[in-house]
Amino acid sequence: MGEILSTMDLIMERTRGMALSDEEKEDLRKEDFRKRARGLRVKLMEDPAGCDQILRSVQEESEEDRALLGAYLWEELVREMPSGARGVKHLDLLAKMPQAEPTKPILREAREAFKNAAKAGSKDTKKILLRETKKLASWGISGSAVMPKLPAGSDATGDLARTVEQYKKRLLEKVPAPS
């Protein structure tokens, strides 16, 4: 009668002699750094006050790892940049990153543009909300609890979204993603 093998024995027997190529190892390493960068982005967004501690932990990595993790973190933060007042705080966070040095003028310009767009957007939003409230009142829907929604694609949100996308593109061009 034959020997009964455990699952682990079968796995070991079938994978004996198999190894990852250098390219596959590098791809796995990069994917690991991407995941770590996503996790760090989430931590930074949840606790902006702990930014210095989180960035210090990145600086404790080896030079090669630090560069790769920092580049992926920069890319994550730029791609997930919100608009409005939160966008300004996000730009302040980006300015603390080591990768921000070549982008300081763009970050200052974006900060001012976000502030101006938010101010203009709030005026436009008030006008749109007033118009929508009047529409609802004409249909017999009124009262202090009535809060109309902004129509999708309204100018108030569209202009700011276009501004944000423009700055995201410029920031990513200035600090290219790792290959």
N, C-alpha and C. Protein backbone atom coordinates (compact mmCIF):
# COMPACT_ATOMS: atom_id res chain seq x y z
N MET A 1 0.84 -1.17 0.00
CA MET A 1 0.00 0.00 0.00
C MET A 1 0.89 1.25 0.00
N GLY A 2 0.45 2.27 -0.74
CA GLY A 2 1.23 3.49 -0.88
C GLY A 2 1.19 4.36 0.37
N GLU A 3 2.14 5.23 0.44
CA GLU A 3 2.24 6.14 1.57
C GLU A 3 1.23 7.27 1.40
N ILE A 4 0.55 7.66 2.47
CA ILE A 4 -0.40 8.77 2.43
C ILE A 4 0.36 10.03 2.79
N LEU A 5 0.29 11.01 1.87
CA LEU A 5 1.03 12.26 2.06
C LEU A 5 0.10 13.35 2.58
N SER A 6 0.63 14.21 3.43
CA SER A 6 -0.15 15.36 3.90
C SER A 6 -0.18 16.41 2.79
N THR A 7 -1.06 17.34 2.95
CA THR A 7 -1.17 18.42 1.96
C THR A 7 0.14 19.18 1.85
N MET A 8 0.75 19.42 2.97
CA MET A 8 2.02 20.15 2.97
C MET A 8 3.10 19.36 2.24
N ASP A 9 3.13 18.04 2.42
CA ASP A 9 4.11 17.21 1.71
C ASP A 9 3.89 17.30 0.21
N LEU A 10 2.62 17.27 -0.21
CA LEU A 10 2.30 17.37 -1.64
C LEU A 10 2.74 18.71 -2.21
N ILE A 11 2.48 19.77 -1.47
CA ILE A 11 2.89 21.10 -1.93
C ILE A 11 4.40 21.19 -2.04
N MET A 12 5.09 20.72 -1.04
CA MET A 12 6.55 20.77 -1.05
C MET A 12 7.12 19.95 -2.21
N GLU A 13 6.53 18.80 -2.46
CA GLU A 13 7.01 17.93 -3.53
C GLU A 13 6.81 18.59 -4.90
N ARG A 14 5.66 19.23 -5.09
CA ARG A 14 5.37 19.82 -6.40
C ARG A 14 6.12 21.12 -6.65
N THR A 15 6.45 21.82 -5.61
CA THR A 15 7.13 23.10 -5.79
C THR A 15 8.64 23.01 -5.65
N ARG A 16 9.15 21.84 -5.40
CA ARG A 16 10.60 21.65 -5.26
C ARG A 16 11.28 22.10 -6.56
N GLY A 17 12.28 22.92 -6.41
CA GLY A 17 13.03 23.37 -7.58
C GLY A 17 12.42 24.61 -8.23
N MET A 18 11.26 25.04 -7.78
CA MET A 18 10.64 26.23 -8.38
C MET A 18 11.11 27.47 -7.61
N ALA A 19 11.34 28.52 -8.32
CA ALA A 19 11.75 29.78 -7.69
C ALA A 19 11.24 30.94 -8.54
N LEU A 20 11.09 32.07 -7.91
CA LEU A 20 10.66 33.27 -8.62
C LEU A 20 11.85 33.87 -9.36
N SER A 21 11.57 34.41 -10.51
CA SER A 21 12.62 35.11 -11.25
C SER A 21 12.89 36.45 -10.56
N ASP A 22 13.98 37.09 -10.90
CA ASP A 22 14.31 38.38 -10.31
C ASP A 22 13.24 39.41 -10.64
N GLU A 23 12.71 39.35 -11.85
CA GLU A 23 11.66 40.28 -12.27
C GLU A 23 10.39 40.08 -11.42
N GLU A 24 10.03 38.82 -11.18
CA GLU A 24 8.85 38.53 -10.36
C GLU A 24 9.05 38.98 -8.91
N LYS A 25 10.26 38.79 -8.40
CA LYS A 25 10.56 39.24 -7.05
C LYS A 25 10.44 40.76 -6.95
N GLU A 26 10.96 41.46 -7.95
CA GLU A 26 10.88 42.93 -7.96
C GLU A 26 9.44 43.41 -8.07
N ASP A 27 8.64 42.73 -8.88
CA ASP A 27 7.22 43.08 -9.00
C ASP A 27 6.49 42.89 -7.67
N LEU A 28 6.78 41.79 -6.97
CA LEU A 28 6.18 41.54 -5.67
C LEU A 28 6.61 42.60 -4.65
N ARG A 29 7.88 42.97 -4.70
CA ARG A 29 8.41 43.99 -3.81
C ARG A 29 7.72 45.33 -4.04
N LYS A 30 7.56 45.70 -5.32
CA LYS A 30 6.90 46.96 -5.65
C LYS A 30 5.43 46.94 -5.22
N GLU A 31 4.77 45.82 -5.42
CA GLU A 31 3.37 45.70 -5.01
C GLU A 31 3.25 45.83 -3.48
N ASP A 32 4.21 45.26 -2.76
CA ASP A 32 4.22 45.40 -1.31
C ASP A 32 4.36 46.87 -0.90
N PHE A 33 5.25 47.59 -1.59
CA PHE A 33 5.43 49.00 -1.28
C PHE A 33 4.19 49.82 -1.64
N ARG A 34 3.52 49.45 -2.71
CA ARG A 34 2.27 50.15 -3.08
C ARG A 34 1.23 49.97 -1.98
N LYS A 35 1.11 48.75 -1.46
CA LYS A 35 0.15 48.48 -0.39
C LYS A 35 0.52 49.26 0.86
N ARG A 36 1.80 49.30 1.18
CA ARG A 36 2.23 50.05 2.36
C ARG A 36 1.94 51.54 2.18
N ALA A 37 2.15 52.04 0.95
CA ALA A 37 1.88 53.46 0.67
C ALA A 37 0.38 53.75 0.84
N ARG A 38 -0.49 52.84 0.37
CA ARG A 38 -1.93 53.04 0.55
C ARG A 38 -2.28 53.09 2.03
N GLY A 39 -1.69 52.19 2.80
CA GLY A 39 -1.93 52.17 4.24
C GLY A 39 -1.46 53.45 4.92
N LEU A 40 -0.29 53.92 4.52
CA LEU A 40 0.23 55.17 5.10
C LEU A 40 -0.66 56.35 4.72
N ARG A 41 -1.17 56.35 3.47
CA ARG A 41 -2.06 57.43 3.05
C ARG A 41 -3.31 57.46 3.92
N VAL A 42 -3.86 56.28 4.18
CA VAL A 42 -5.06 56.20 5.02
C VAL A 42 -4.75 56.74 6.42
N LYS A 43 -3.59 56.35 6.97
CA LYS A 43 -3.20 56.84 8.30
C LYS A 43 -3.04 58.35 8.29
N LEU A 44 -2.41 58.88 7.25
CA LEU A 44 -2.21 60.33 7.16
C LEU A 44 -3.54 61.07 7.05
N MET A 45 -4.49 60.51 6.32
CA MET A 45 -5.78 61.17 6.16
C MET A 45 -6.60 61.10 7.45
N GLU A 46 -6.47 60.02 8.20
CA GLU A 46 -7.20 59.88 9.45
C GLU A 46 -6.60 60.73 10.56
N ASP A 47 -5.29 60.84 10.58
CA ASP A 47 -4.62 61.56 11.65
C ASP A 47 -3.53 62.48 11.08
N PRO A 48 -3.94 63.63 10.51
CA PRO A 48 -2.94 64.54 9.96
C PRO A 48 -1.95 65.05 11.00
N ALA A 49 -2.36 65.07 12.27
CA ALA A 49 -1.46 65.54 13.33
C ALA A 49 -0.27 64.59 13.51
N GLY A 50 -0.46 63.31 13.18
CA GLY A 50 0.62 62.33 13.30
C GLY A 50 1.49 62.25 12.06
N CYS A 51 1.36 63.22 11.20
CA CYS A 51 2.09 63.24 9.92
C CYS A 51 3.60 63.13 10.11
N ASP A 52 4.14 63.90 11.04
CA ASP A 52 5.59 63.91 11.23
C ASP A 52 6.10 62.53 11.66
N GLN A 53 5.36 61.87 12.53
CA GLN A 53 5.76 60.54 13.00
C GLN A 53 5.71 59.53 11.84
N ILE A 54 4.67 59.60 11.04
CA ILE A 54 4.54 58.67 9.91
C ILE A 54 5.65 58.90 8.89
N LEU A 55 5.93 60.17 8.59
CA LEU A 55 7.00 60.47 7.64
C LEU A 55 8.37 60.09 8.20
N ARG A 56 8.54 60.17 9.52
CA ARG A 56 9.80 59.74 10.14
C ARG A 56 9.98 58.23 9.97
N SER A 57 8.87 57.49 10.07
CA SER A 57 8.97 56.04 9.90
C SER A 57 9.40 55.69 8.48
N VAL A 58 8.97 56.48 7.51
CA VAL A 58 9.40 56.26 6.13
C VAL A 58 10.89 56.56 6.00
N GLN A 59 11.37 57.60 6.68
CA GLN A 59 12.78 57.97 6.60
C GLN A 59 13.70 56.94 7.25
N GLU A 60 13.15 56.07 8.10
CA GLU A 60 13.96 55.04 8.75
C GLU A 60 14.24 53.85 7.84
N GLU A 61 13.61 53.79 6.69
CA GLU A 61 13.83 52.71 5.73
C GLU A 61 15.21 52.87 5.09
N SER A 62 15.69 51.81 4.45
CA SER A 62 16.95 51.93 3.72
C SER A 62 16.76 52.94 2.59
N GLU A 63 17.84 53.46 2.06
CA GLU A 63 17.75 54.54 1.07
C GLU A 63 16.92 54.15 -0.14
N GLU A 64 17.15 52.95 -0.67
CA GLU A 64 16.40 52.49 -1.85
C GLU A 64 14.92 52.31 -1.52
N ASP A 65 14.64 51.68 -0.38
CA ASP A 65 13.26 51.46 0.04
C ASP A 65 12.56 52.78 0.34
N ARG A 66 13.29 53.70 0.95
CA ARG A 66 12.73 55.01 1.28
C ARG A 66 12.31 55.75 0.02
N ALA A 67 13.15 55.70 -1.00
CA ALA A 67 12.84 56.38 -2.25
C ALA A 67 11.60 55.77 -2.90
N LEU A 68 11.53 54.45 -2.93
CA LEU A 68 10.40 53.78 -3.55
C LEU A 68 9.11 54.01 -2.77
N LEU A 69 9.16 53.83 -1.46
CA LEU A 69 7.98 54.03 -0.62
C LEU A 69 7.53 55.48 -0.66
N GLY A 70 8.47 56.40 -0.61
CA GLY A 70 8.14 57.83 -0.67
C GLY A 70 7.48 58.20 -1.99
N ALA A 71 8.00 57.65 -3.09
CA ALA A 71 7.42 57.94 -4.40
C ALA A 71 6.00 57.39 -4.52
N TYR A 72 5.80 56.18 -4.03
CA TYR A 72 4.45 55.60 -4.07
C TYR A 72 3.49 56.36 -3.15
N LEU A 73 3.98 56.78 -2.00
CA LEU A 73 3.14 57.55 -1.08
C LEU A 73 2.76 58.89 -1.70
N TRP A 74 3.71 59.54 -2.33
CA TRP A 74 3.45 60.81 -3.02
C TRP A 74 2.36 60.61 -4.08
N GLU A 75 2.53 59.57 -4.88
CA GLU A 75 1.55 59.27 -5.93
C GLU A 75 0.16 59.03 -5.34
N GLU A 76 0.09 58.25 -4.27
CA GLU A 76 -1.20 57.97 -3.61
C GLU A 76 -1.84 59.25 -3.10
N LEU A 77 -1.06 60.08 -2.43
CA LEU A 77 -1.60 61.32 -1.87
C LEU A 77 -2.08 62.27 -2.96
N VAL A 78 -1.34 62.37 -4.04
CA VAL A 78 -1.74 63.28 -5.12
C VAL A 78 -3.00 62.75 -5.81
N ARG A 79 -3.04 61.46 -6.10
CA ARG A 79 -4.20 60.90 -6.80
C ARG A 79 -5.48 60.99 -5.97
N GLU A 80 -5.37 60.96 -4.66
CA GLU A 80 -6.55 61.01 -3.79
C GLU A 80 -6.82 62.41 -3.23
N MET A 81 -6.28 63.43 -3.88
CA MET A 81 -6.44 64.79 -3.39
C MET A 81 -7.91 65.22 -3.47
N PRO A 82 -8.48 65.64 -2.32
CA PRO A 82 -9.86 66.11 -2.33
C PRO A 82 -9.94 67.57 -2.78
N SER A 83 -11.13 68.07 -2.96
CA SER A 83 -11.30 69.47 -3.35
C SER A 83 -11.85 70.27 -2.16
N GLY A 84 -11.89 71.57 -2.33
CA GLY A 84 -12.44 72.42 -1.28
C GLY A 84 -11.47 72.63 -0.14
N ALA A 85 -12.02 72.88 1.05
CA ALA A 85 -11.19 73.17 2.23
C ALA A 85 -10.31 71.98 2.58
N ARG A 86 -10.82 70.77 2.38
CA ARG A 86 -10.00 69.58 2.65
C ARG A 86 -8.81 69.52 1.69
N GLY A 87 -8.98 70.03 0.49
CA GLY A 87 -7.89 70.05 -0.48
C GLY A 87 -6.74 70.91 -0.03
N VAL A 88 -7.05 72.03 0.62
CA VAL A 88 -6.00 72.92 1.13
C VAL A 88 -5.20 72.21 2.22
N LYS A 89 -5.88 71.51 3.12
CA LYS A 89 -5.19 70.77 4.18
C LYS A 89 -4.35 69.65 3.57
N HIS A 90 -4.86 69.05 2.53
CA HIS A 90 -4.14 67.98 1.84
C HIS A 90 -2.85 68.53 1.21
N LEU A 91 -2.93 69.73 0.63
CA LEU A 91 -1.74 70.36 0.05
C LEU A 91 -0.70 70.65 1.13
N ASP A 92 -1.16 71.04 2.32
CA ASP A 92 -0.22 71.27 3.43
C ASP A 92 0.50 69.97 3.79
N LEU A 93 -0.23 68.89 3.75
CA LEU A 93 0.34 67.57 4.03
C LEU A 93 1.38 67.21 2.95
N LEU A 94 1.04 67.45 1.69
CA LEU A 94 1.98 67.17 0.60
C LEU A 94 3.25 68.00 0.74
N ALA A 95 3.11 69.23 1.21
CA ALA A 95 4.27 70.12 1.34
C ALA A 95 5.29 69.58 2.35
N LYS A 96 4.86 68.72 3.27
CA LYS A 96 5.77 68.15 4.27
C LYS A 96 6.57 66.96 3.74
N MET A 97 6.17 66.44 2.59
CA MET A 97 6.84 65.27 2.02
C MET A 97 8.19 65.67 1.42
N PRO A 98 9.18 64.79 1.48
CA PRO A 98 10.48 65.09 0.87
C PRO A 98 10.38 65.31 -0.64
N GLN A 99 9.44 64.65 -1.29
CA GLN A 99 9.27 64.78 -2.74
C GLN A 99 8.70 66.14 -3.13
N ALA A 100 8.25 66.92 -2.16
CA ALA A 100 7.58 68.19 -2.44
C ALA A 100 8.55 69.29 -2.84
N GLU A 101 9.83 69.11 -2.59
CA GLU A 101 10.80 70.18 -2.84
C GLU A 101 10.70 70.76 -4.26
N PRO A 102 10.71 69.93 -5.31
CA PRO A 102 10.63 70.52 -6.65
C PRO A 102 9.23 71.06 -7.00
N THR A 103 8.25 70.80 -6.15
CA THR A 103 6.88 71.21 -6.47
C THR A 103 6.39 72.36 -5.60
N LYS A 104 7.25 72.96 -4.80
CA LYS A 104 6.82 74.04 -3.90
C LYS A 104 6.04 75.14 -4.62
N PRO A 105 6.51 75.65 -5.77
CA PRO A 105 5.73 76.70 -6.44
C PRO A 105 4.34 76.20 -6.89
N ILE A 106 4.27 74.97 -7.35
CA ILE A 106 2.98 74.42 -7.80
C ILE A 106 2.05 74.26 -6.60
N LEU A 107 2.58 73.81 -5.47
CA LEU A 107 1.76 73.63 -4.27
C LEU A 107 1.22 74.97 -3.77
N ARG A 108 2.06 76.02 -3.81
CA ARG A 108 1.59 77.36 -3.39
C ARG A 108 0.49 77.85 -4.33
N GLU A 109 0.73 77.68 -5.62
CA GLU A 109 -0.25 78.11 -6.63
C GLU A 109 -1.56 77.33 -6.47
N ALA A 110 -1.45 76.04 -6.25
CA ALA A 110 -2.64 75.20 -6.08
C ALA A 110 -3.41 75.60 -4.82
N ARG A 111 -2.68 75.91 -3.77
CA ARG A 111 -3.32 76.32 -2.51
C ARG A 111 -4.18 77.56 -2.73
N GLU A 112 -3.61 78.56 -3.40
CA GLU A 112 -4.36 79.79 -3.68
C GLU A 112 -5.54 79.52 -4.61
N ALA A 113 -5.31 78.70 -5.62
CA ALA A 113 -6.39 78.38 -6.55
C ALA A 113 -7.52 77.64 -5.84
N PHE A 114 -7.19 76.73 -4.94
CA PHE A 114 -8.22 75.99 -4.19
C PHE A 114 -9.02 76.93 -3.31
N LYS A 115 -8.30 77.84 -2.64
CA LYS A 115 -9.00 78.80 -1.77
C LYS A 115 -9.95 79.67 -2.59
N ASN A 116 -9.45 80.20 -3.69
CA ASN A 116 -10.28 81.06 -4.54
C ASN A 116 -11.46 80.30 -5.14
N ALA A 117 -11.19 79.09 -5.59
CA ALA A 117 -12.27 78.28 -6.17
C ALA A 117 -13.31 77.92 -5.12
N ALA A 118 -12.85 77.65 -3.91
CA ALA A 118 -13.79 77.32 -2.84
C ALA A 118 -14.67 78.52 -2.50
N LYS A 119 -14.06 79.72 -2.47
CA LYS A 119 -14.84 80.94 -2.21
C LYS A 119 -15.86 81.18 -3.32
N ALA A 120 -15.39 81.12 -4.56
CA ALA A 120 -16.30 81.34 -5.69
C ALA A 120 -17.35 80.24 -5.74
N GLY A 121 -16.92 79.02 -5.46
CA GLY A 121 -17.84 77.89 -5.48
C GLY A 121 -18.92 78.01 -4.43
N SER A 122 -18.56 78.57 -3.25
CA SER A 122 -19.57 78.71 -2.21
C SER A 122 -20.62 79.73 -2.62
N LYS A 123 -20.20 80.80 -3.32
CA LYS A 123 -21.18 81.78 -3.81
C LYS A 123 -22.09 81.13 -4.85
N ASP A 124 -21.47 80.39 -5.78
CA ASP A 124 -22.26 79.72 -6.81
C ASP A 124 -23.18 78.67 -6.19
N THR A 125 -22.68 77.98 -5.19
CA THR A 125 -23.47 76.94 -4.53
C THR A 125 -24.69 77.57 -3.85
N LYS A 126 -24.49 78.71 -3.22
CA LYS A 126 -25.62 79.40 -2.57
C LYS A 126 -26.68 79.78 -3.59
N LYS A 127 -26.23 80.28 -4.75
CA LYS A 127 -27.19 80.66 -5.80
C LYS A 127 -27.96 79.44 -6.29
N ILE A 128 -27.24 78.36 -6.52
CA ILE A 128 -27.87 77.13 -7.02
C ILE A 128 -28.84 76.57 -5.98
N LEU A 129 -28.43 76.55 -4.71
CA LEU A 129 -29.31 76.05 -3.66
C LEU A 129 -30.56 76.91 -3.52
N LEU A 130 -30.41 78.23 -3.64
CA LEU A 130 -31.57 79.11 -3.58
C LEU A 130 -32.53 78.81 -4.74
N ARG A 131 -31.97 78.65 -5.93
CA ARG A 131 -32.79 78.33 -7.10
C ARG A 131 -33.51 76.99 -6.91
N GLU A 132 -32.81 75.99 -6.40
CA GLU A 132 -33.41 74.67 -6.18
C GLU A 132 -34.48 74.72 -5.07
N THR A 133 -34.23 75.54 -4.04
CA THR A 133 -35.22 75.70 -2.96
C THR A 133 -36.49 76.32 -3.51
N LYS A 134 -36.34 77.31 -4.40
CA LYS A 134 -37.51 77.95 -5.02
C LYS A 134 -38.27 76.95 -5.89
N LYS A 135 -37.55 76.10 -6.59
CA LYS A 135 -38.21 75.07 -7.40
C LYS A 135 -39.04 74.14 -6.52
N LEU A 136 -38.42 73.70 -5.43
CA LEU A 136 -39.13 72.81 -4.51
C LEU A 136 -40.35 73.51 -3.91
N ALA A 137 -40.22 74.79 -3.56
CA ALA A 137 -41.34 75.54 -2.99
C ALA A 137 -42.48 75.66 -4.00
N SER A 138 -42.14 75.81 -5.29
CA SER A 138 -43.19 75.90 -6.31
C SER A 138 -43.96 74.59 -6.44
N TRP A 139 -43.33 73.50 -6.01
CA TRP A 139 -44.00 72.19 -6.04
C TRP A 139 -44.70 71.88 -4.72
N GLY A 140 -44.63 72.85 -3.79
CA GLY A 140 -45.29 72.67 -2.50
C GLY A 140 -44.41 72.01 -1.45
N ILE A 141 -43.13 71.92 -1.72
CA ILE A 141 -42.19 71.32 -0.76
C ILE A 141 -41.37 72.45 -0.16
N SER A 142 -41.62 72.75 1.12
CA SER A 142 -40.88 73.83 1.76
C SER A 142 -40.79 73.57 3.25
N GLY A 143 -40.01 74.39 3.92
CA GLY A 143 -39.85 74.27 5.35
C GLY A 143 -38.38 74.31 5.73
N SER A 144 -38.16 74.38 7.03
CA SER A 144 -36.78 74.51 7.51
C SER A 144 -35.97 73.22 7.33
N ALA A 145 -36.63 72.09 7.21
CA ALA A 145 -35.94 70.81 7.07
C ALA A 145 -35.60 70.48 5.61
N VAL A 146 -36.10 71.27 4.69
CA VAL A 146 -35.88 70.99 3.27
C VAL A 146 -34.49 71.50 2.88
N MET A 147 -33.67 70.58 2.39
CA MET A 147 -32.33 70.93 1.93
C MET A 147 -32.14 70.32 0.56
N PRO A 148 -32.21 71.13 -0.49
CA PRO A 148 -32.07 70.56 -1.84
C PRO A 148 -30.65 70.08 -2.11
N LYS A 149 -30.55 69.13 -2.99
CA LYS A 149 -29.24 68.62 -3.40
C LYS A 149 -28.77 69.43 -4.59
N LEU A 150 -27.45 69.55 -4.70
CA LEU A 150 -26.88 70.21 -5.88
C LEU A 150 -27.06 69.30 -7.08
N PRO A 151 -27.49 69.85 -8.20
CA PRO A 151 -27.61 69.00 -9.39
C PRO A 151 -26.23 68.47 -9.80
N ALA A 152 -26.21 67.25 -10.30
CA ALA A 152 -24.96 66.64 -10.74
C ALA A 152 -24.35 67.46 -11.86
N GLY A 153 -23.04 67.69 -11.80
CA GLY A 153 -22.34 68.43 -12.85
C GLY A 153 -22.60 69.92 -12.81
N SER A 154 -23.07 70.45 -11.69
CA SER A 154 -23.31 71.89 -11.61
C SER A 154 -21.97 72.62 -11.70
N ASP A 155 -22.04 73.87 -12.12
CA ASP A 155 -20.81 74.65 -12.30
C ASP A 155 -20.03 74.80 -11.01
N ALA A 156 -20.74 74.84 -9.88
CA ALA A 156 -20.06 75.03 -8.59
C ALA A 156 -19.10 73.89 -8.30
N THR A 157 -19.49 72.67 -8.62
CA THR A 157 -18.60 71.53 -8.35
C THR A 157 -17.70 71.23 -9.53
N GLY A 158 -18.13 71.52 -10.73
CA GLY A 158 -17.37 71.20 -11.94
C GLY A 158 -16.09 71.98 -12.07
N ASP A 159 -16.13 73.29 -11.81
CA ASP A 159 -14.93 74.11 -11.93
C ASP A 159 -13.86 73.70 -10.95
N LEU A 160 -14.26 73.46 -9.73
CA LEU A 160 -13.29 73.05 -8.71
C LEU A 160 -12.71 71.67 -9.04
N ALA A 161 -13.54 70.77 -9.51
CA ALA A 161 -13.05 69.43 -9.88
C ALA A 161 -12.04 69.52 -11.01
N ARG A 162 -12.31 70.38 -11.98
CA ARG A 162 -11.36 70.56 -13.10
C ARG A 162 -10.04 71.15 -12.59
N THR A 163 -10.13 72.10 -11.66
CA THR A 163 -8.92 72.71 -11.08
C THR A 163 -8.10 71.66 -10.35
N VAL A 164 -8.76 70.84 -9.56
CA VAL A 164 -8.07 69.79 -8.81
C VAL A 164 -7.37 68.83 -9.77
N GLU A 165 -8.06 68.39 -10.79
CA GLU A 165 -7.47 67.45 -11.76
C GLU A 165 -6.26 68.06 -12.46
N GLN A 166 -6.34 69.35 -12.76
CA GLN A 166 -5.23 70.05 -13.41
C GLN A 166 -3.98 70.02 -12.51
N TYR A 167 -4.16 70.31 -11.23
CA TYR A 167 -3.01 70.32 -10.31
C TYR A 167 -2.50 68.92 -10.02
N LYS A 168 -3.37 67.95 -9.97
CA LYS A 168 -2.92 66.56 -9.79
C LYS A 168 -1.96 66.19 -10.92
N LYS A 169 -2.37 66.51 -12.13
CA LYS A 169 -1.55 66.18 -13.31
C LYS A 169 -0.19 66.86 -13.24
N ARG A 170 -0.18 68.14 -12.89
CA ARG A 170 1.08 68.89 -12.81
C ARG A 170 1.99 68.33 -11.72
N LEU A 171 1.41 67.98 -10.58
CA LEU A 171 2.22 67.45 -9.47
C LEU A 171 2.80 66.08 -9.81
N LEU A 172 2.03 65.26 -10.49
CA LEU A 172 2.54 63.94 -10.86
C LEU A 172 3.59 64.03 -11.96
N GLU A 173 3.47 65.02 -12.84
CA GLU A 173 4.49 65.21 -13.88
C GLU A 173 5.81 65.67 -13.27
N LYS A 174 5.73 66.51 -12.27
CA LYS A 174 6.94 67.08 -11.65
C LYS A 174 7.70 66.03 -10.84
N VAL A 175 6.96 65.12 -10.18
CA VAL A 175 7.58 64.02 -9.42
C VAL A 175 7.07 62.73 -10.03
N PRO A 176 7.78 62.19 -11.01
CA PRO A 176 7.28 61.00 -11.71
C PRO A 176 7.21 59.77 -10.80
N ALA A 177 6.25 58.91 -11.10
CA ALA A 177 6.07 57.67 -10.35
C ALA A 177 7.25 56.74 -10.65
N PRO A 178 7.59 55.89 -9.70
CA PRO A 178 8.67 54.94 -9.94
C PRO A 178 8.26 53.91 -11.00
N SER A 179 9.22 53.48 -11.76
CA SER A 179 8.88 52.49 -12.81
C SER A 179 9.11 51.09 -12.35
